[in-house]
Protein backbone atom coordinates (compact mmCIF):
# COMPACT_ATOMS: atom_id res chain seq x y z
CA MET A 1 7.73 21.85 -26.52
CA LYS A 2 8.01 24.73 -23.90
CA PHE A 3 9.00 24.72 -20.20
CA ILE A 4 8.94 26.54 -17.34
CA ASN A 5 10.52 26.47 -13.85
CA LEU A 6 8.03 26.84 -12.07
CA THR A 7 11.10 26.21 -8.50
CA ARG A 8 10.58 30.35 -6.97
CA ARG A 9 14.80 29.77 -6.64
CA THR A 10 17.64 28.23 -8.58
CA GLU A 11 17.55 25.75 -5.69
CA ILE A 12 16.24 22.44 -4.38
CA GLY A 13 12.73 24.09 -3.00
CA ALA A 14 9.20 23.34 -4.23
CA ASN A 15 9.91 20.79 -6.54
CA SER A 16 8.03 21.90 -10.68
CA TYR A 17 7.71 22.37 -13.67
CA TYR A 18 5.48 22.60 -16.44
CA LEU A 19 6.02 21.45 -20.20
CA GLU A 20 4.65 22.04 -22.66
CA ILE A 21 4.56 18.74 -25.37
CA ALA A 22 2.09 18.28 -28.47
CA GLY A 23 -0.35 20.31 -27.16
CA ARG A 24 -0.43 18.86 -23.71
CA GLY A 25 -0.14 20.63 -20.71
CA LEU A 26 1.69 18.27 -17.98
CA ILE A 27 2.97 19.22 -14.95
CA LEU A 28 6.40 16.79 -13.34
CA ASP A 29 5.54 17.28 -9.40
CA SER A 30 4.33 19.49 -7.17
CA GLY A 31 6.79 20.15 -4.09
CA MET A 32 6.92 22.34 -0.56
CA HIS A 33 9.70 23.83 0.26
CA PRO A 34 11.08 22.75 3.88
CA LYS A 35 11.53 26.38 4.12
CA PHE A 36 9.18 29.05 4.33
CA ALA A 37 5.86 29.30 4.93
CA GLY A 38 2.72 30.52 3.58
CA GLU A 39 2.82 31.43 -0.55
CA GLU A 40 6.34 30.94 -0.17
CA ALA A 41 6.33 27.16 0.38
CA LEU A 42 4.39 27.13 -2.68
CA PRO A 43 5.56 25.95 -6.29
CA ASN A 44 5.04 29.44 -8.76
CA MET A 45 1.46 28.13 -10.60
CA LYS A 46 1.01 31.87 -11.20
CA ALA A 47 3.92 31.56 -14.05
CA ILE A 48 1.75 29.13 -15.95
CA GLY A 49 -1.48 31.23 -16.26
CA SER A 50 -4.71 30.39 -17.54
CA ARG A 51 -2.84 27.21 -19.88
CA LYS A 52 -4.89 23.87 -19.24
CA LEU A 53 -2.54 21.03 -17.68
CA ASN A 54 -4.00 17.53 -19.37
CA ALA A 55 -1.98 15.52 -16.33
CA ILE A 56 0.64 16.08 -13.09
CA LEU A 57 2.99 13.28 -13.13
CA ILE A 58 4.58 13.26 -9.41
CA SER A 59 7.98 11.32 -9.59
CA HIS A 60 8.01 10.18 -5.46
CA SER A 61 6.73 11.35 -2.31
CA HIS A 62 9.45 13.04 -0.40
CA GLN A 63 7.76 16.48 0.81
CA ASP A 64 9.34 18.51 -1.83
CA HIS A 65 7.84 16.89 -5.10
CA ILE A 66 4.57 15.59 -3.98
CA GLY A 67 4.04 18.02 -0.83
CA THR A 68 1.37 20.75 -2.35
CA LEU A 69 -0.79 18.12 -5.07
CA PRO A 70 -3.57 19.30 -3.93
CA VAL A 71 -3.12 22.77 -3.97
CA LEU A 72 -2.42 22.29 -7.59
CA MET A 73 -5.00 19.97 -8.19
CA ARG A 74 -7.78 22.66 -7.20
CA ARG A 75 -6.79 24.33 -10.60
CA GLN A 76 -7.82 21.20 -13.32
CA PRO A 77 -9.55 19.00 -11.41
CA GLN A 78 -10.72 17.44 -14.28
CA ALA A 79 -6.33 16.28 -14.34
CA PRO A 80 -5.15 12.77 -14.29
CA VAL A 81 -2.96 12.33 -11.72
CA PHE A 82 -0.15 9.82 -11.84
CA MET A 83 2.42 7.97 -9.81
CA THR A 84 3.94 4.50 -8.91
CA GLU A 85 2.05 2.70 -6.49
CA PRO A 86 4.69 2.88 -3.28
CA THR A 87 4.33 6.69 -4.01
CA ALA A 88 1.18 6.88 -3.28
CA GLU A 89 0.59 5.23 -0.75
CA ILE A 90 4.15 7.35 1.02
CA GLY A 91 2.17 10.40 -0.60
CA SER A 92 -0.93 10.36 1.10
CA THR A 93 0.54 9.60 4.71
CA LEU A 94 3.14 12.36 3.61
CA LEU A 95 0.67 14.93 3.14
CA HIS A 96 -2.03 13.79 6.40
CA ASN A 97 1.50 14.43 8.44
CA SER A 98 1.50 17.68 6.55
CA VAL A 99 -1.90 18.42 7.79
CA ASN A 100 -0.83 18.39 11.27
CA VAL A 101 2.19 20.21 10.49
CA MET A 102 0.71 23.00 9.28
CA THR A 103 -2.44 23.03 11.22
CA ARG A 104 0.73 24.08 14.32
CA GLN A 105 2.32 26.51 12.49
CA ARG A 106 -0.75 28.41 12.24
CA GLU A 107 -0.46 28.26 16.14
CA GLU A 108 3.08 29.49 15.76
CA LEU A 109 3.29 31.88 13.37
CA GLY A 110 0.18 33.31 13.64
CA PRO A 111 -0.80 36.16 11.42
CA ALA A 112 2.18 35.66 9.07
CA VAL A 113 0.25 32.61 7.75
CA ALA A 114 -3.76 33.44 9.15
CA GLY A 115 -6.75 32.65 6.75
CA ILE A 116 -3.68 29.72 4.60
CA TYR A 117 -2.62 27.17 6.89
CA PRO A 118 -3.06 24.55 6.24
CA LEU A 119 -2.87 24.50 2.37
CA PHE A 120 -5.37 21.74 2.38
CA THR A 121 -7.23 19.56 4.43
CA HIS A 122 -7.61 16.30 5.38
CA ARG A 123 -10.76 15.72 3.45
CA GLU A 124 -9.65 17.43 0.38
CA THR A 125 -5.96 14.84 0.77
CA ASP A 126 -8.50 11.56 1.23
CA ARG A 127 -10.76 13.21 -1.45
CA VAL A 128 -8.02 13.63 -4.22
CA SER A 129 -6.08 10.89 -2.79
CA GLU A 130 -8.71 8.49 -4.59
CA ARG A 131 -8.25 10.88 -8.07
CA TRP A 132 -4.81 9.07 -8.37
CA HIS A 133 -4.02 6.76 -11.09
CA SER A 134 -1.02 4.25 -9.64
CA CYS A 135 0.65 2.93 -12.57
CA ALA A 136 3.26 0.16 -12.97
CA LEU A 137 7.63 0.76 -13.75
CA ARG A 138 8.14 -0.20 -17.55
CA GLN A 139 4.98 0.19 -19.09
CA THR A 140 3.69 2.62 -21.45
CA TYR A 141 1.16 4.99 -21.00
CA THR A 142 -1.20 7.60 -22.45
CA VAL A 143 -1.60 11.06 -21.09
CA SER A 144 -5.28 9.93 -20.08
CA GLY A 145 -4.24 6.80 -18.02
CA GLU A 146 -4.76 4.00 -20.98
CA ARG A 147 -1.95 1.45 -21.05
CA VAL A 148 -0.46 1.24 -25.07
CA PRO A 149 2.22 -0.50 -26.83
CA VAL A 150 5.54 1.36 -26.96
CA ASP A 151 5.81 2.34 -30.09
CA SER A 152 2.03 4.50 -30.32
CA THR A 153 1.36 7.05 -31.61
CA GLU A 154 0.13 8.90 -29.21
CA THR A 155 1.62 11.16 -26.42
CA THR A 156 3.12 8.56 -23.49
CA PHE A 157 4.51 8.50 -20.81
CA GLU A 158 6.88 5.31 -19.05
CA PHE A 159 8.28 5.60 -15.35
CA PHE A 160 11.81 3.99 -14.33
CA ASP A 161 13.38 2.64 -10.78
CA ALA A 162 15.18 6.23 -9.90
CA GLY A 163 16.91 3.82 -7.09
CA HIS A 164 16.94 7.32 -5.00
CA VAL A 165 13.44 5.92 -2.64
CA LEU A 166 10.84 3.60 -2.52
CA GLY A 167 8.28 4.41 -5.56
CA SER A 168 10.77 7.23 -7.00
CA THR A 169 11.30 7.20 -10.00
CA GLY A 170 12.78 8.89 -13.65
CA ILE A 171 9.95 9.13 -16.06
CA LEU A 172 10.57 8.97 -19.66
CA LEU A 173 7.80 11.39 -22.29
CA ARG A 174 7.78 10.45 -25.91
CA THR A 175 5.14 12.21 -28.66
CA GLU A 176 6.37 12.88 -32.47
CA GLY A 177 9.13 11.17 -33.09
CA ARG A 178 10.92 12.90 -29.38
CA THR A 179 11.76 11.75 -26.33
CA VAL A 180 12.59 13.53 -22.88
CA PHE A 181 13.32 12.03 -19.73
CA TYR A 182 12.99 13.56 -16.15
CA THR A 183 15.66 11.96 -13.75
CA GLY A 184 12.90 12.99 -10.66
CA ASP A 185 15.64 12.87 -7.58
CA VAL A 186 18.17 9.52 -8.53
CA ASN A 187 21.07 7.85 -7.75
CA PHE A 188 22.86 5.81 -9.90
CA ASP A 189 24.35 3.20 -6.74
CA ASP A 190 23.25 0.74 -4.05
CA GLN A 191 22.19 1.96 -1.08
CA THR A 192 21.63 -0.17 1.94
CA VAL A 193 17.59 -1.22 1.34
CA ALA A 194 17.63 0.79 -2.03
CA GLN A 195 18.69 -1.11 -5.30
CA ALA A 196 20.51 1.60 -8.35
CA ALA A 197 18.26 3.24 -10.32
CA VAL A 198 17.83 1.67 -13.98
CA PHE A 199 16.72 4.09 -16.23
CA PRO A 200 16.76 3.54 -20.56
CA GLU A 201 20.08 3.53 -22.08
CA GLU A 202 17.97 4.16 -25.50
CA ASN A 203 18.96 8.28 -27.32
CA VAL A 204 16.95 10.72 -26.04
CA ASP A 205 16.11 14.52 -27.03
CA ILE A 206 15.89 16.64 -24.07
CA LEU A 207 17.22 15.10 -20.72
CA ILE A 208 15.38 17.04 -17.50
CA MET A 209 18.28 16.35 -14.87
CA GLU A 210 18.75 16.43 -10.75
CA CYS A 211 21.91 18.52 -9.51
CA THR A 212 21.88 17.87 -5.64
CA ARG A 213 25.71 16.81 -5.46
CA GLY A 214 26.76 19.10 -8.15
CA ASP A 215 29.23 20.39 -5.93
CA THR A 216 30.65 17.62 -3.73
CA PRO A 217 33.14 15.30 -5.25
CA VAL A 218 32.68 11.88 -4.22
CA PRO A 219 36.57 11.14 -2.10
CA PRO A 220 38.67 9.09 -4.84
CA THR A 221 39.11 6.38 -1.19
CA TRP A 222 35.67 6.71 -0.54
CA SER A 223 33.00 3.05 -0.92
CA ARG A 224 29.80 2.80 1.21
CA ALA A 225 31.68 -0.43 3.32
CA SER A 226 34.03 1.65 4.26
CA GLU A 227 31.92 4.49 5.13
CA GLU A 228 30.02 2.13 7.14
CA LYS A 229 32.45 0.64 9.47
CA ARG A 230 33.35 4.70 9.63
CA LEU A 231 30.04 5.16 11.36
CA MET A 232 30.42 2.43 13.75
CA GLN A 233 33.62 3.17 14.90
CA ALA A 234 32.03 7.02 15.45
CA ILE A 235 28.92 5.19 17.37
CA GLU A 236 31.26 2.97 19.22
CA ASN A 237 33.58 6.27 19.90
CA ALA A 238 30.48 8.32 20.76
CA PHE A 239 29.28 5.66 23.73
CA THR A 240 32.62 5.41 24.77
CA ARG A 241 33.06 9.25 26.29
CA GLY A 242 29.04 8.00 28.06
CA GLY A 243 27.03 9.75 25.35
CA CYS A 244 24.34 9.17 22.56
CA VAL A 245 23.98 9.78 18.75
CA MET A 246 21.77 11.75 17.20
CA ILE A 247 21.43 11.42 13.58
CA PRO A 248 19.14 13.61 11.85
CA VAL A 249 17.17 11.50 9.30
CA PHE A 250 14.13 12.01 6.35
CA ALA A 251 11.81 9.96 7.47
CA LEU A 252 11.02 8.61 4.15
CA GLY A 253 14.77 7.35 2.35
CA LYS A 254 17.17 8.41 4.85
CA THR A 255 15.38 6.41 8.16
CA GLN A 256 14.42 3.22 6.13
CA GLU A 257 18.26 2.79 5.55
CA ILE A 258 20.47 3.95 8.48
CA LEU A 259 18.26 1.10 10.53
CA ALA A 260 19.42 -1.26 7.39
CA ILE A 261 23.11 -0.09 8.10
CA LEU A 262 21.89 -1.05 12.14
CA TYR A 263 20.59 -3.44 11.76
CA LYS A 264 24.26 -5.26 10.18
CA LEU A 265 25.80 -3.93 12.81
CA ARG A 266 23.96 -5.38 15.02
CA ARG A 267 23.47 -8.74 12.92
CA GLU A 268 27.66 -8.97 13.11
CA LYS A 269 27.59 -8.76 16.16
CA VAL A 270 29.73 -5.42 16.25
CA LEU A 271 27.18 -3.67 18.18
CA ASP A 272 24.11 -3.69 19.44
CA PHE A 273 22.16 -0.57 21.45
CA PRO A 274 18.92 0.84 21.59
CA ILE A 275 17.06 2.65 19.17
CA TYR A 276 14.74 5.69 19.04
CA ILE A 277 13.13 7.15 16.20
CA GLY A 278 10.03 9.62 15.25
CA GLY A 279 6.16 8.76 14.83
CA LEU A 280 6.78 9.13 10.84
CA SER A 281 9.15 7.22 10.73
CA SER A 282 7.98 4.46 11.54
CA LYS A 283 4.66 5.32 10.06
CA MET A 284 6.94 5.13 6.20
CA THR A 285 9.11 2.70 7.72
CA GLU A 286 5.58 0.22 8.12
CA ILE A 287 5.18 0.68 4.80
CA TYR A 288 9.37 -0.44 3.85
CA ASP A 289 8.23 -3.78 5.89
CA GLN A 290 5.01 -4.26 4.21
CA ARG A 291 6.85 -4.26 0.89
CA ALA A 292 10.37 -5.85 1.84
CA GLN A 293 9.51 -8.13 -1.05
CA MET A 294 8.38 -6.79 -3.82
CA GLY A 295 9.96 -4.97 -6.28
CA ARG A 296 13.84 -4.50 -7.33
CA ARG A 297 15.25 -4.43 -3.55
CA GLN A 298 18.41 -5.13 -1.03
CA LEU A 299 17.55 -7.26 1.70
CA SER A 300 14.11 -7.95 0.68
CA ARG A 301 13.29 -10.07 3.66
CA LEU A 302 14.27 -7.13 6.87
CA GLN A 303 11.27 -6.50 8.63
CA LEU A 304 13.47 -3.98 9.89
CA LEU A 305 10.06 -2.78 13.05
CA HIS A 306 10.33 -6.30 13.93
CA GLU A 307 14.23 -6.66 14.11
CA LEU A 308 15.10 -3.48 15.42
CA ARG A 309 12.65 -2.70 17.84
CA PRO A 310 12.85 0.64 18.32
CA PHE A 311 10.67 3.34 20.29
CA VAL A 312 9.01 5.78 18.98
CA LEU A 313 9.51 9.71 19.90
CA ASN A 314 6.72 12.28 19.06
CA ALA A 315 5.49 16.07 19.08
CA GLU A 316 3.88 14.75 23.01
CA ASN A 317 7.10 12.42 24.36
CA ILE A 318 10.10 14.57 22.91
CA HIS A 319 9.49 16.37 26.09
CA ASP A 320 9.54 13.89 28.32
CA ALA A 321 12.41 11.58 26.26
CA GLY A 322 16.02 12.20 28.38
CA THR A 323 19.22 12.23 26.83
CA ARG A 324 20.51 8.75 27.65
CA ALA A 325 24.29 7.41 26.98
CA GLY A 326 25.10 4.37 24.68
CA ARG A 327 21.49 5.12 22.40
CA VAL A 328 20.92 6.32 18.58
CA TYR A 329 18.60 8.99 17.87
CA ALA A 330 17.33 9.08 14.25
CA LEU A 331 15.06 11.62 14.41
CA SER A 332 13.32 13.85 11.54
CA SER A 333 13.34 16.74 10.13
CA GLY A 334 16.82 16.14 8.40
CA MET A 335 17.47 19.51 7.66
CA MET A 336 16.49 19.78 11.45
CA THR A 337 14.14 22.31 10.75
CA PRO A 338 12.78 24.59 14.03
CA LYS A 339 9.86 22.84 16.27
CA THR A 340 10.83 19.09 14.73
CA LEU A 341 12.12 16.26 16.97
CA SER A 342 15.67 16.32 16.05
CA ASN A 343 15.68 20.06 16.46
CA ILE A 344 14.32 20.17 19.42
CA PHE A 345 16.81 16.94 20.52
CA ALA A 346 19.55 19.11 19.25
CA GLN A 347 19.11 21.16 22.02
CA ARG A 348 19.90 18.99 24.77
CA ILE A 349 22.99 18.15 23.15
CA VAL A 350 24.78 20.44 21.04
CA ASP A 351 26.97 22.06 23.84
CA GLN A 352 27.38 18.76 25.31
CA PRO A 353 31.10 17.07 24.36
CA ARG A 354 30.43 13.47 25.25
CA HIS A 355 27.42 13.27 22.58
CA SER A 356 27.30 13.33 19.17
CA ILE A 357 25.32 14.52 15.98
CA PHE A 358 26.05 13.01 12.79
CA PHE A 359 25.08 13.90 9.09
CA VAL A 360 24.57 11.46 6.51
CA GLY A 361 22.63 13.32 3.36
CA TYR A 362 22.23 16.60 2.23
CA ALA A 363 21.22 19.31 4.73
CA ASP A 364 20.69 23.28 2.77
CA PRO A 365 23.73 24.75 4.11
CA GLU A 366 20.67 27.77 5.16
CA SER A 367 18.52 25.15 6.75
CA PRO A 368 19.69 24.66 11.15
CA ALA A 369 21.61 21.52 9.67
CA GLY A 370 23.69 23.40 7.28
CA ILE A 371 24.43 25.36 9.90
CA LEU A 372 25.01 22.97 12.28
CA ARG A 373 26.95 21.09 10.39
CA ASP A 374 29.22 24.23 9.04
CA ALA A 375 29.62 25.37 12.16
CA GLN A 376 33.76 25.97 14.11
CA PRO A 377 33.85 23.86 17.50
CA ASN A 378 33.17 26.40 20.24
CA GLU A 379 31.67 28.51 17.45
CA GLU A 380 27.86 29.74 18.81
CA VAL A 381 24.73 28.99 16.66
CA ALA A 382 21.30 29.19 17.12
CA ILE A 383 19.52 27.05 15.24
CA ASP A 384 15.40 27.58 16.42
CA PRO A 385 15.38 31.72 15.74
CA ASP A 386 13.50 31.08 19.06
CA ARG A 387 15.66 30.39 21.96
CA ALA A 388 19.36 31.95 22.69
CA PRO A 389 22.36 30.77 20.48
CA GLN A 390 24.33 28.36 22.08
CA GLN A 391 28.15 27.14 21.81
CA VAL A 392 29.04 24.27 19.85
CA ARG A 393 30.36 21.34 22.77
CA CYS A 394 29.34 18.05 21.11
CA HIS A 395 31.09 15.79 17.88
CA ILE A 396 30.34 16.65 14.92
CA ASP A 397 31.57 14.75 12.15
CA GLN A 398 29.98 13.66 8.64
CA PHE A 399 28.99 10.11 6.28
CA GLN A 400 27.61 10.31 2.67
CA PHE A 401 25.13 8.07 2.83
CA SER A 402 23.27 10.04 0.15
CA ALA A 403 20.22 8.75 -2.04
CA HIS A 404 21.59 11.36 -4.45
CA ALA A 405 23.26 10.17 -7.50
CA SER A 406 26.82 11.35 -7.76
CA ARG A 407 28.07 14.02 -9.78
CA GLU A 408 30.75 11.83 -11.28
CA SER A 409 27.77 9.13 -12.03
CA LEU A 410 25.25 11.92 -13.04
CA ILE A 411 27.89 13.70 -15.69
CA ALA A 412 28.42 9.91 -17.15
CA PHE A 413 24.30 9.09 -17.50
CA ALA A 414 23.98 12.55 -19.55
CA LYS A 415 26.88 11.04 -22.06
CA ARG A 416 25.45 8.70 -22.14
CA LEU A 417 22.23 9.96 -23.44
CA ALA A 418 24.07 12.66 -25.45
CA PRO A 419 21.01 14.89 -25.60
CA LYS A 420 20.39 17.21 -28.06
CA LYS A 421 19.03 19.92 -24.64
CA ILE A 422 20.17 19.08 -20.66
CA LEU A 423 17.90 21.46 -18.46
CA LEU A 424 19.28 21.59 -14.56
CA VAL A 425 16.83 21.73 -11.51
CA HIS A 426 17.13 20.97 -8.46
CA GLY A 427 20.79 21.68 -7.14
CA ASP A 428 22.12 24.94 -5.65
CA PRO A 429 23.71 28.02 -7.10
CA LEU A 430 26.92 26.24 -7.37
CA ALA A 431 26.43 22.84 -8.14
CA VAL A 432 24.35 23.63 -11.00
CA GLU A 433 26.88 25.89 -12.02
CA TRP A 434 29.57 22.72 -11.69
CA MET A 435 27.60 20.79 -13.67
CA ARG A 436 26.77 23.43 -16.05
CA ALA A 437 30.66 24.01 -16.86
CA ARG A 438 31.67 20.29 -16.80
CA LEU A 439 28.59 19.70 -19.02
CA THR A 440 29.89 21.82 -21.28
CA LEU A 441 32.83 20.64 -22.00
CA ASP A 442 31.67 16.83 -22.21
CA LEU A 443 29.38 17.36 -24.44
CA PRO A 444 30.18 20.02 -26.79
CA ASN A 445 27.20 19.68 -29.42
CA THR A 446 24.27 19.91 -26.51
CA GLN A 447 23.39 22.51 -25.28
CA ILE A 448 22.65 23.11 -21.56
CA ILE A 449 20.79 25.13 -20.12
CA VAL A 450 19.54 26.32 -16.80
CA PRO A 451 16.62 27.33 -16.76
CA THR A 452 14.64 30.17 -14.91
CA PRO A 453 12.90 30.36 -12.26
CA GLY A 454 9.48 31.50 -14.00
CA VAL A 455 10.43 31.82 -18.03
CA GLU A 456 9.04 30.37 -20.88
CA ILE A 457 11.05 28.76 -22.76
CA GLU A 458 10.87 27.02 -26.31
CA LEU A 459 12.55 23.83 -26.58
């Protein structure tokens, strides 16, 4: 059994992992790095050389897990690709949007990506998505796609609900009496829409575990209800000052969670105000609404678009959209990548004391969102390298509505499984190191591994 971390650095980036078991080569996820362009945005596929790929397994449809799947599929056109049905539907929409983004970037970045971008086309996306296989949760499949009993002697996989976003899964692999479990991105707590993960409790030999929040302790007094109340009060305060509120969000998952929170405020007659979202967020929310009564979900009858009727902004009309008081702008991207809706809008309000910017999830410390979130009052920051720095005078606050598991719940999960080996992935260096040190103390009989990117590990 062999493992190669195909992410180029120890970080949350273009997540992708090679696993060789029982002579079969598997790829877990094929992401695109949100901060880089061109070759640097891809997983390091050179690390697997000429090895044959027997199957590709996708945990969920966030860009950093599925964003380069069409490129990967060129390497081994016959290798089957497996994911849940919601992941396939969302993934196709996201990849088509990615083609549009890369086409614009080709014009903006010029020679840096000339001849490279877009990495794939709309036609290729349609063609490869026809070869994806949708799999049900808690069913056992061979790596060739056949459904078999759980006690099959073949190499098999099984998807488990990860509670992260619609369609997200952890993946359990069984072969020759051994088990490997890959968490993907997971949340062990109920969110406003998504229910908590339901993961295996059986013994696992090898655990491949995400570490996103490894450097962030949960405050002892935190509860989701109290955090929702704090957000409500902060919005009300912004409106009282005559300002608006911008919330940078990911189009998939975080947008729908924030809309659901705002729906509760409206339903409980606490606050009622106009809401703005982005075009891609609107498409993702349509899929959430279509699947509202399918599978495990909170507020299963809630139709977000019908109940909230948000205004939709896009690349064309964002430049004409004013900063109107008494409104909430939940705009992507969550990292406030330059030229995205959230970045463009933030430039209009960051130096205005009456307005507010609220952060509600993970943001890379080096991304524009991370830089702005960590800025001191009146500090000058440049959230777009092509624009002059601006003085931070708006109100900035952070709220704990992460779709990722807390480090405490990750540690508890690992201790319940007590695997022989744990591989720590999907985390910035400080987060990974905290998890490594804590697990080393708590599980002295378990080997804790931080896989060096690009280096083959014999498991």
